[in-house]
Protein backbone atom coordinates (compact mmCIF):
# COMPACT_ATOMS: atom_id res chain seq x y z
CA MET A 1 6.20 -46.10 128.21
CA PRO A 2 8.43 -47.79 125.64
CA THR A 3 11.24 -49.85 126.06
CA PRO A 4 14.33 -50.37 123.88
CA SER A 5 14.71 -53.56 122.03
CA LYS A 6 17.51 -56.40 123.22
CA LYS A 7 19.10 -55.12 119.95
CA VAL A 8 19.67 -51.80 121.26
CA VAL A 9 21.23 -52.83 124.71
CA SER A 10 23.58 -55.73 122.94
CA ALA A 11 24.65 -52.97 120.88
CA LEU A 12 25.55 -50.66 123.47
CA LYS A 13 27.16 -53.30 125.90
CA LYS A 14 29.37 -53.83 122.39
CA VAL A 15 30.76 -50.08 122.90
CA GLY A 16 31.11 -50.35 126.59
CA PHE A 17 27.67 -49.29 127.75
CA GLU A 18 27.25 -52.09 130.32
CA ALA A 19 24.32 -50.92 132.18
CA PRO A 20 23.38 -47.34 130.68
CA LYS A 21 20.54 -45.21 131.32
CA LEU A 22 18.02 -44.87 128.31
CA GLN A 23 16.01 -42.24 127.88
CA ARG A 24 13.60 -42.06 124.70
CA ILE A 25 13.80 -38.99 122.41
CA PRO A 26 10.13 -38.68 121.04
CA GLU A 27 9.36 -37.51 117.51
CA GLY A 28 10.75 -40.72 115.48
CA ARG A 29 8.89 -41.16 112.45
CA ASN A 30 10.51 -44.07 111.19
CA SER A 31 12.79 -45.25 114.27
CA SER A 32 13.31 -44.94 117.76
CA VAL A 33 15.96 -42.96 118.90
CA TRP A 34 17.60 -43.30 122.85
CA LYS A 35 20.16 -41.23 124.53
CA ALA A 36 22.13 -43.64 126.46
CA GLN A 37 24.16 -42.70 129.42
CA SER A 38 26.68 -44.56 131.63
CA GLY A 39 29.15 -42.98 133.90
CA ASP A 40 30.25 -39.82 131.98
CA GLN A 41 29.39 -41.19 128.64
CA PHE A 42 26.67 -40.23 126.49
CA CYS A 43 25.58 -41.36 123.10
CA VAL A 44 22.29 -41.73 120.70
CA VAL A 45 20.95 -44.78 119.49
CA LYS A 46 18.53 -45.22 116.60
CA GLU A 47 16.47 -48.09 116.29
CA TYR A 48 14.41 -48.40 112.76
CA PHE A 49 11.71 -50.10 112.69
CA ASP A 50 11.14 -53.49 110.84
CA GLY A 51 10.02 -53.58 107.95
CA ALA A 52 11.29 -50.02 106.82
CA LYS A 53 11.47 -49.81 103.47
CA GLU A 54 14.49 -48.16 101.39
CA LYS A 55 17.02 -49.16 104.26
CA GLY A 56 20.10 -47.94 102.12
CA SER A 57 18.44 -44.89 101.02
CA ARG A 58 17.89 -44.03 105.13
CA LEU A 59 21.29 -44.95 105.81
CA ARG A 60 23.45 -42.86 103.39
CA ALA A 61 21.06 -40.07 104.38
CA GLU A 62 22.17 -40.72 107.87
CA CYS A 63 25.80 -40.64 107.10
CA ARG A 64 25.73 -37.32 105.25
CA PHE A 65 23.85 -36.03 108.09
CA LEU A 66 26.65 -37.22 110.31
CA GLU A 67 29.34 -36.17 108.01
CA TYR A 68 27.30 -32.65 107.90
CA LEU A 69 27.43 -32.80 111.85
CA ASN A 70 31.18 -33.14 111.90
CA LYS A 71 31.81 -30.17 109.32
CA ILE A 72 29.81 -27.81 111.95
CA LYS A 73 31.32 -28.98 114.98
C-alpha cells in the first residue's frame, strides 16, 4: 500500500493536521491524492509526481476546477 511522502505530511502539519488519518484516493494518473482527517476536519491533498511536465498548465487547470467547485456549491 502506498504511503504519503514527507512533503504531504509536512504540508498537513502546516495547516493544523498534526496526526492525520490518511486514505489514498485511487485513480490518480499524474498525481497521488490523499483524503486527510484530523478530528472533525477533512481535506484533500494532491501530490504531483516528480518530473511531471507542464506544471504551470496543470496548476492553472486545478485552480479553474476549484473556482468551478466554489461556483456550484
